[in-house]
Amino acid sequence: MSRLRRQLAALPAEFRDRSIAEEELAALADLAATGDPDIPRLRRSLLLIAGAIGSVSALGQGVRELREAVDLFGRSPRG
């Protein structure tokens, strides 16, 4: 999360959903810091982040790495 936050901060381009991505990255950091995060909430934040910055190719690798990190907490049940 920290790496993607730094990459986003360094990106000079402005885009409509940048604030959503920044807010959700901060929320993810808070959730992960609790030690026992709510997996569905982590996944929701990940989806919001991917939707907000998914079209910014310079951040694609960071989004993939974030997804892998969220997966380490466990997969959410499919319903």
PDB file of N, CA and C in Angstrom:
ATOM      1  N   MET A   1       0.813  -1.179   0.000  1.00  0.00           N
ATOM      2  CA  MET A   1       0.000   0.000   0.000  1.00  0.00           C
ATOM      3  C   MET A   1       0.859   1.246   0.000  1.00  0.00           C
ATOM      4  N   SER A   2       1.888   1.216   0.785  1.00  0.00           N
ATOM      5  CA  SER A   2       2.764   2.391   0.863  1.00  0.00           C
ATOM      6  C   SER A   2       3.404   2.701  -0.482  1.00  0.00           C
ATOM      7  N   ARG A   3       3.847   1.659  -1.162  1.00  0.00           N
ATOM      8  CA  ARG A   3       4.496   1.865  -2.462  1.00  0.00           C
ATOM      9  C   ARG A   3       3.511   2.466  -3.466  1.00  0.00           C
ATOM     10  N   LEU A   4       2.304   1.933  -3.503  1.00  0.00           N
ATOM     11  CA  LEU A   4       1.311   2.459  -4.433  1.00  0.00           C
ATOM     12  C   LEU A   4       0.918   3.887  -4.055  1.00  0.00           C
ATOM     13  N   ARG A   5       0.843   4.170  -2.777  1.00  0.00           N
ATOM     14  CA  ARG A   5       0.549   5.544  -2.341  1.00  0.00           C
ATOM     15  C   ARG A   5       1.642   6.501  -2.806  1.00  0.00           C
ATOM     16  N   ARG A   6       2.892   6.082  -2.704  1.00  0.00           N
ATOM     17  CA  ARG A   6       3.997   6.932  -3.168  1.00  0.00           C
ATOM     18  C   ARG A   6       3.950   7.119  -4.686  1.00  0.00           C
ATOM     19  N   GLN A   7       3.676   6.038  -5.409  1.00  0.00           N
ATOM     20  CA  GLN A   7       3.578   6.128  -6.865  1.00  0.00           C
ATOM     21  C   GLN A   7       2.447   7.062  -7.275  1.00  0.00           C
ATOM     22  N   LEU A   8       1.327   6.967  -6.603  1.00  0.00           N
ATOM     23  CA  LEU A   8       0.194   7.835  -6.898  1.00  0.00           C
ATOM     24  C   LEU A   8       0.526   9.288  -6.585  1.00  0.00           C
ATOM     25  N   ALA A   9       1.196   9.523  -5.472  1.00  0.00           N
ATOM     26  CA  ALA A   9       1.571  10.892  -5.100  1.00  0.00           C
ATOM     27  C   ALA A   9       2.552  11.493  -6.100  1.00  0.00           C
ATOM     28  N   ALA A  10       3.414  10.663  -6.668  1.00  0.00           N
ATOM     29  CA  ALA A  10       4.416  11.152  -7.613  1.00  0.00           C
ATOM     30  C   ALA A  10       3.858  11.342  -9.023  1.00  0.00           C
ATOM     31  N   LEU A  11       2.683  10.802  -9.277  1.00  0.00           N
ATOM     32  CA  LEU A  11       2.082  10.903 -10.603  1.00  0.00           C
ATOM     33  C   LEU A  11       1.585  12.329 -10.828  1.00  0.00           C
ATOM     34  N   PRO A  12       2.122  13.024 -11.829  1.00  0.00           N
ATOM     35  CA  PRO A  12       1.739  14.417 -12.040  1.00  0.00           C
ATOM     36  C   PRO A  12       0.339  14.587 -12.634  1.00  0.00           C
ATOM     37  N   ALA A  13      -0.142  13.579 -13.304  1.00  0.00           N
ATOM     38  CA  ALA A  13      -1.443  13.683 -13.968  1.00  0.00           C
ATOM     39  C   ALA A  13      -2.575  13.703 -12.954  1.00  0.00           C
ATOM     40  N   GLU A  14      -3.530  14.556 -13.208  1.00  0.00           N
ATOM     41  CA  GLU A  14      -4.741  14.578 -12.406  1.00  0.00           C
ATOM     42  C   GLU A  14      -5.801  13.765 -13.129  1.00  0.00           C
ATOM     43  N   PHE A  15      -6.606  13.048 -12.390  1.00  0.00           N
ATOM     44  CA  PHE A  15      -7.713  12.320 -12.972  1.00  0.00           C
ATOM     45  C   PHE A  15      -8.865  12.346 -11.991  1.00  0.00           C
ATOM     46  N   ARG A  16     -10.044  12.136 -12.513  1.00  0.00           N
ATOM     47  CA  ARG A  16     -11.278  12.373 -11.768  1.00  0.00           C
ATOM     48  C   ARG A  16     -11.367  11.629 -10.440  1.00  0.00           C
ATOM     49  N   ASP A  17     -10.962  10.375 -10.393  1.00  0.00           N
ATOM     50  CA  ASP A  17     -11.146   9.555  -9.198  1.00  0.00           C
ATOM     51  C   ASP A  17      -9.902   9.433  -8.325  1.00  0.00           C
ATOM     52  N   ARG A  18      -8.960  10.332  -8.502  1.00  0.00           N
ATOM     53  CA  ARG A  18      -7.719  10.272  -7.728  1.00  0.00           C
ATOM     54  C   ARG A  18      -7.991  10.321  -6.222  1.00  0.00           C
ATOM     55  N   SER A  19      -8.882  11.183  -5.781  1.00  0.00           N
ATOM     56  CA  SER A  19      -9.164  11.310  -4.346  1.00  0.00           C
ATOM     57  C   SER A  19      -9.762  10.027  -3.783  1.00  0.00           C
ATOM     58  N   ILE A  20     -10.563   9.320  -4.585  1.00  0.00           N
ATOM     59  CA  ILE A  20     -11.123   8.046  -4.134  1.00  0.00           C
ATOM     60  C   ILE A  20      -9.999   7.049  -3.895  1.00  0.00           C
ATOM     61  N   ALA A  21      -9.068   6.972  -4.831  1.00  0.00           N
ATOM     62  CA  ALA A  21      -7.938   6.048  -4.692  1.00  0.00           C
ATOM     63  C   ALA A  21      -7.111   6.395  -3.455  1.00  0.00           C
ATOM     64  N   GLU A  22      -6.849   7.672  -3.243  1.00  0.00           N
ATOM     65  CA  GLU A  22      -6.057   8.085  -2.086  1.00  0.00           C
ATOM     66  C   GLU A  22      -6.771   7.740  -0.781  1.00  0.00           C
ATOM     67  N   GLU A  23      -8.074   7.989  -0.716  1.00  0.00           N
ATOM     68  CA  GLU A  23      -8.840   7.685   0.494  1.00  0.00           C
ATOM     69  C   GLU A  23      -8.882   6.189   0.780  1.00  0.00           C
ATOM     70  N   GLU A  24      -9.084   5.392  -0.260  1.00  0.00           N
ATOM     71  CA  GLU A  24      -9.150   3.943  -0.069  1.00  0.00           C
ATOM     72  C   GLU A  24      -7.790   3.350   0.283  1.00  0.00           C
ATOM     73  N   LEU A  25      -6.719   3.891  -0.266  1.00  0.00           N
ATOM     74  CA  LEU A  25      -5.389   3.421   0.134  1.00  0.00           C
ATOM     75  C   LEU A  25      -5.140   3.716   1.608  1.00  0.00           C
ATOM     76  N   ALA A  26      -5.572   4.865   2.071  1.00  0.00           N
ATOM     77  CA  ALA A  26      -5.434   5.197   3.499  1.00  0.00           C
ATOM     78  C   ALA A  26      -6.290   4.248   4.341  1.00  0.00           C
ATOM     79  N   ALA A  27      -7.499   3.954   3.880  1.00  0.00           N
ATOM     80  CA  ALA A  27      -8.373   3.030   4.602  1.00  0.00           C
ATOM     81  C   ALA A  27      -7.762   1.634   4.659  1.00  0.00           C
ATOM     82  N   LEU A  28      -7.170   1.188   3.544  1.00  0.00           N
ATOM     83  CA  LEU A  28      -6.513  -0.119   3.527  1.00  0.00           C
ATOM     84  C   LEU A  28      -5.357  -0.172   4.513  1.00  0.00           C
ATOM     85  N   ALA A  29      -4.595   0.873   4.566  1.00  0.00           N
ATOM     86  CA  ALA A  29      -3.467   0.914   5.510  1.00  0.00           C
ATOM     87  C   ALA A  29      -3.982   0.794   6.942  1.00  0.00           C
ATOM     88  N   ASP A  30      -5.059   1.482   7.243  1.00  0.00           N
ATOM     89  CA  ASP A  30      -5.645   1.394   8.590  1.00  0.00           C
ATOM     90  C   ASP A  30      -6.161  -0.015   8.875  1.00  0.00           C
ATOM     91  N   LEU A  31      -6.837  -0.611   7.912  1.00  0.00           N
ATOM     92  CA  LEU A  31      -7.362  -1.965   8.094  1.00  0.00           C
ATOM     93  C   LEU A  31      -6.241  -2.976   8.309  1.00  0.00           C
ATOM     94  N   ALA A  32      -5.204  -2.879   7.515  1.00  0.00           N
ATOM     95  CA  ALA A  32      -4.089  -3.825   7.628  1.00  0.00           C
ATOM     96  C   ALA A  32      -3.362  -3.660   8.954  1.00  0.00           C
ATOM     97  N   ALA A  33      -3.337  -2.450   9.481  1.00  0.00           N
ATOM     98  CA  ALA A  33      -2.634  -2.187  10.736  1.00  0.00           C
ATOM     99  C   ALA A  33      -3.330  -2.808  11.940  1.00  0.00           C
ATOM    100  N   THR A  34      -4.606  -3.149  11.807  1.00  0.00           N
ATOM    101  CA  THR A  34      -5.329  -3.719  12.942  1.00  0.00           C
ATOM    102  C   THR A  34      -4.858  -5.124  13.277  1.00  0.00           C
ATOM    103  N   GLY A  35      -4.233  -5.806  12.304  1.00  0.00           N
ATOM    104  CA  GLY A  35      -3.736  -7.149  12.553  1.00  0.00           C
ATOM    105  C   GLY A  35      -4.760  -8.227  12.231  1.00  0.00           C
ATOM    106  N   ASP A  36      -6.038  -7.908  12.275  1.00  0.00           N
ATOM    107  CA  ASP A  36      -7.100  -8.856  11.959  1.00  0.00           C
ATOM    108  C   ASP A  36      -8.140  -8.139  11.107  1.00  0.00           C
ATOM    109  N   PRO A  37      -7.761  -7.803   9.873  1.00  0.00           N
ATOM    110  CA  PRO A  37      -8.645  -6.979   9.049  1.00  0.00           C
ATOM    111  C   PRO A  37      -9.875  -7.726   8.554  1.00  0.00           C
ATOM    112  N   ASP A  38     -10.879  -6.976   8.231  1.00  0.00           N
ATOM    113  CA  ASP A  38     -12.119  -7.478   7.648  1.00  0.00           C
ATOM    114  C   ASP A  38     -11.860  -7.754   6.169  1.00  0.00           C
ATOM    115  N   ILE A  39     -11.803  -9.027   5.792  1.00  0.00           N
ATOM    116  CA  ILE A  39     -11.439  -9.411   4.429  1.00  0.00           C
ATOM    117  C   ILE A  39     -12.392  -8.816   3.383  1.00  0.00           C
ATOM    118  N   PRO A  40     -13.698  -8.895   3.565  1.00  0.00           N
ATOM    119  CA  PRO A  40     -14.581  -8.274   2.565  1.00  0.00           C
ATOM    120  C   PRO A  40     -14.342  -6.768   2.419  1.00  0.00           C
ATOM    121  N   ARG A  41     -14.025  -6.092   3.511  1.00  0.00           N
ATOM    122  CA  ARG A  41     -13.744  -4.654   3.441  1.00  0.00           C
ATOM    123  C   ARG A  41     -12.439  -4.392   2.685  1.00  0.00           C
ATOM    124  N   LEU A  42     -11.424  -5.234   2.917  1.00  0.00           N
ATOM    125  CA  LEU A  42     -10.168  -5.116   2.164  1.00  0.00           C
ATOM    126  C   LEU A  42     -10.437  -5.256   0.669  1.00  0.00           C
ATOM    127  N   ARG A  43     -11.221  -6.247   0.313  1.00  0.00           N
ATOM    128  CA  ARG A  43     -11.520  -6.496  -1.094  1.00  0.00           C
ATOM    129  C   ARG A  43     -12.337  -5.369  -1.706  1.00  0.00           C
ATOM    130  N   ARG A  44     -13.257  -4.804  -0.940  1.00  0.00           N
ATOM    131  CA  ARG A  44     -14.049  -3.678  -1.432  1.00  0.00           C
ATOM    132  C   ARG A  44     -13.139  -2.490  -1.735  1.00  0.00           C
ATOM    133  N   SER A  45     -12.220  -2.209  -0.811  1.00  0.00           N
ATOM    134  CA  SER A  45     -11.276  -1.119  -1.032  1.00  0.00           C
ATOM    135  C   SER A  45     -10.411  -1.381  -2.248  1.00  0.00           C
ATOM    136  N   LEU A  46      -9.955  -2.609  -2.402  1.00  0.00           N
ATOM    137  CA  LEU A  46      -9.143  -2.970  -3.564  1.00  0.00           C
ATOM    138  C   LEU A  46      -9.912  -2.723  -4.857  1.00  0.00           C
ATOM    139  N   LEU A  47     -11.188  -3.114  -4.890  1.00  0.00           N
ATOM    140  CA  LEU A  47     -11.996  -2.892  -6.090  1.00  0.00           C
ATOM    141  C   LEU A  47     -12.184  -1.404  -6.371  1.00  0.00           C
ATOM    142  N   LEU A  48     -12.401  -0.615  -5.330  1.00  0.00           N
ATOM    143  CA  LEU A  48     -12.548   0.828  -5.523  1.00  0.00           C
ATOM    144  C   LEU A  48     -11.261   1.443  -6.059  1.00  0.00           C
ATOM    145  N   ILE A  49     -10.137   1.000  -5.523  1.00  0.00           N
ATOM    146  CA  ILE A  49      -8.843   1.511  -5.980  1.00  0.00           C
ATOM    147  C   ILE A  49      -8.607   1.120  -7.438  1.00  0.00           C
ATOM    148  N   ALA A  50      -8.844  -0.141  -7.745  1.00  0.00           N
ATOM    149  CA  ALA A  50      -8.650  -0.603  -9.126  1.00  0.00           C
ATOM    150  C   ALA A  50      -9.563   0.149 -10.082  1.00  0.00           C
ATOM    151  N   GLY A  51     -10.786   0.409  -9.668  1.00  0.00           N
ATOM    152  CA  GLY A  51     -11.701   1.153 -10.515  1.00  0.00           C
ATOM    153  C   GLY A  51     -11.287   2.604 -10.688  1.00  0.00           C
ATOM    154  N   ALA A  52     -10.741   3.168  -9.626  1.00  0.00           N
ATOM    155  CA  ALA A  52     -10.355   4.577  -9.659  1.00  0.00           C
ATOM    156  C   ALA A  52      -9.095   4.819 -10.478  1.00  0.00           C
ATOM    157  N   ILE A  53      -8.135   3.891 -10.414  1.00  0.00           N
ATOM    158  CA  ILE A  53      -6.866   4.134 -11.102  1.00  0.00           C
ATOM    159  C   ILE A  53      -6.521   3.058 -12.121  1.00  0.00           C
ATOM    160  N   GLY A  54      -7.479   2.190 -12.411  1.00  0.00           N
ATOM    161  CA  GLY A  54      -7.229   1.080 -13.317  1.00  0.00           C
ATOM    162  C   GLY A  54      -6.808   1.501 -14.713  1.00  0.00           C
ATOM    163  N   SER A  55      -7.230   2.674 -15.142  1.00  0.00           N
ATOM    164  CA  SER A  55      -6.879   3.115 -16.491  1.00  0.00           C
ATOM    165  C   SER A  55      -5.539   3.846 -16.539  1.00  0.00           C
ATOM    166  N   VAL A  56      -4.898   4.033 -15.403  1.00  0.00           N
ATOM    167  CA  VAL A  56      -3.601   4.712 -15.351  1.00  0.00           C
ATOM    168  C   VAL A  56      -2.525   3.633 -15.448  1.00  0.00           C
ATOM    169  N   SER A  57      -2.017   3.437 -16.644  1.00  0.00           N
ATOM    170  CA  SER A  57      -1.097   2.329 -16.887  1.00  0.00           C
ATOM    171  C   SER A  57       0.166   2.398 -16.031  1.00  0.00           C
ATOM    172  N   ALA A  58       0.593   3.587 -15.672  1.00  0.00           N
ATOM    173  CA  ALA A  58       1.805   3.732 -14.857  1.00  0.00           C
ATOM    174  C   ALA A  58       1.628   3.122 -13.462  1.00  0.00           C
ATOM    175  N   LEU A  59       0.393   2.908 -13.032  1.00  0.00           N
ATOM    176  CA  LEU A  59       0.137   2.362 -11.701  1.00  0.00           C
ATOM    177  C   LEU A  59      -0.312   0.902 -11.748  1.00  0.00           C
ATOM    178  N   GLY A  60      -0.341   0.318 -12.929  1.00  0.00           N
ATOM    179  CA  GLY A  60      -0.824  -1.052 -13.081  1.00  0.00           C
ATOM    180  C   GLY A  60      -0.073  -2.067 -12.241  1.00  0.00           C
ATOM    181  N   GLN A  61       1.233  -1.989 -12.243  1.00  0.00           N
ATOM    182  CA  GLN A  61       2.031  -2.936 -11.459  1.00  0.00           C
ATOM    183  C   GLN A  61       1.745  -2.771  -9.968  1.00  0.00           C
ATOM    184  N   GLY A  62       1.612  -1.546  -9.512  1.00  0.00           N
ATOM    185  CA  GLY A  62       1.308  -1.305  -8.105  1.00  0.00           C
ATOM    186  C   GLY A  62      -0.037  -1.865  -7.696  1.00  0.00           C
ATOM    187  N   VAL A  63      -1.027  -1.766  -8.575  1.00  0.00           N
ATOM    188  CA  VAL A  63      -2.346  -2.328  -8.289  1.00  0.00           C
ATOM    189  C   VAL A  63      -2.262  -3.848  -8.221  1.00  0.00           C
ATOM    190  N   ARG A  64      -1.506  -4.461  -9.141  1.00  0.00           N
ATOM    191  CA  ARG A  64      -1.329  -5.917  -9.094  1.00  0.00           C
ATOM    192  C   ARG A  64      -0.657  -6.351  -7.794  1.00  0.00           C
ATOM    193  N   GLU A  65       0.361  -5.637  -7.376  1.00  0.00           N
ATOM    194  CA  GLU A  65       1.053  -5.977  -6.129  1.00  0.00           C
ATOM    195  C   GLU A  65       0.127  -5.801  -4.924  1.00  0.00           C
ATOM    196  N   LEU A  66      -0.708  -4.782  -4.964  1.00  0.00           N
ATOM    197  CA  LEU A  66      -1.665  -4.576  -3.882  1.00  0.00           C
ATOM    198  C   LEU A  66      -2.655  -5.729  -3.822  1.00  0.00           C
ATOM    199  N   ARG A  67      -3.122  -6.173  -4.971  1.00  0.00           N
ATOM    200  CA  ARG A  67      -4.042  -7.319  -5.004  1.00  0.00           C
ATOM    201  C   ARG A  67      -3.384  -8.552  -4.404  1.00  0.00           C
ATOM    202  N   GLU A  68      -2.131  -8.798  -4.753  1.00  0.00           N
ATOM    203  CA  GLU A  68      -1.414  -9.940  -4.190  1.00  0.00           C
ATOM    204  C   GLU A  68      -1.295  -9.816  -2.680  1.00  0.00           C
ATOM    205  N   ALA A  69      -1.067  -8.612  -2.182  1.00  0.00           N
ATOM    206  CA  ALA A  69      -0.965  -8.397  -0.732  1.00  0.00           C
ATOM    207  C   ALA A  69      -2.301  -8.654  -0.051  1.00  0.00           C
ATOM    208  N   VAL A  70      -3.385  -8.192  -0.642  1.00  0.00           N
ATOM    209  CA  VAL A  70      -4.710  -8.435  -0.071  1.00  0.00           C
ATOM    210  C   VAL A  70      -5.003  -9.930  -0.069  1.00  0.00           C
ATOM    211  N   ASP A  71      -4.596 -10.636  -1.119  1.00  0.00           N
ATOM    212  CA  ASP A  71      -4.810 -12.083  -1.184  1.00  0.00           C
ATOM    213  C   ASP A  71      -4.098 -12.817  -0.054  1.00  0.00           C
ATOM    214  N   LEU A  72      -3.031 -12.263   0.472  1.00  0.00           N
ATOM    215  CA  LEU A  72      -2.315 -12.901   1.574  1.00  0.00           C
ATOM    216  C   LEU A  72      -3.167 -12.997   2.837  1.00  0.00           C
ATOM    217  N   PHE A  73      -4.144 -12.103   2.977  1.00  0.00           N
ATOM    218  CA  PHE A  73      -5.030 -12.134   4.139  1.00  0.00           C
ATOM    219  C   PHE A  73      -6.092 -13.212   4.002  1.00  0.00           C
ATOM    220  N   GLY A  74      -6.238 -13.744   2.817  1.00  0.00           N
ATOM    221  CA  GLY A  74      -7.223 -14.799   2.574  1.00  0.00           C
ATOM    222  C   GLY A  74      -8.227 -14.358   1.530  1.00  0.00           C
ATOM    223  N   ARG A  75      -8.799 -15.327   0.926  1.00  0.00           N
ATOM    224  CA  ARG A  75      -9.791 -15.044  -0.110  1.00  0.00           C
ATOM    225  C   ARG A  75     -11.163 -14.923   0.541  1.00  0.00           C
ATOM    226  N   SER A  76     -11.959 -14.014   0.007  1.00  0.00           N
ATOM    227  CA  SER A  76     -13.322 -13.876   0.516  1.00  0.00           C
ATOM    228  C   SER A  76     -14.180 -14.955  -0.112  1.00  0.00           C
ATOM    229  N   PRO A  77     -15.170 -15.440   0.630  1.00  0.00           N
ATOM    230  CA  PRO A  77     -16.030 -16.484   0.078  1.00  0.00           C
ATOM    231  C   PRO A  77     -16.871 -15.955  -1.071  1.00  0.00           C
ATOM    232  N   ARG A  78     -17.050 -16.755  -2.061  1.00  0.00           N
ATOM    233  CA  ARG A  78     -17.892 -16.379  -3.215  1.00  0.00           C
ATOM    234  C   ARG A  78     -19.331 -16.730  -2.856  1.00  0.00           C
ATOM    235  N   GLY A  79     -20.224 -15.808  -3.192  1.00  0.00           N
ATOM    236  CA  GLY A  79     -21.605 -16.088  -2.832  1.00  0.00           C
ATOM    237  C   GLY A  79     -22.568 -15.973  -3.909  1.00  0.00           C
TER     238      GLY A  79
END
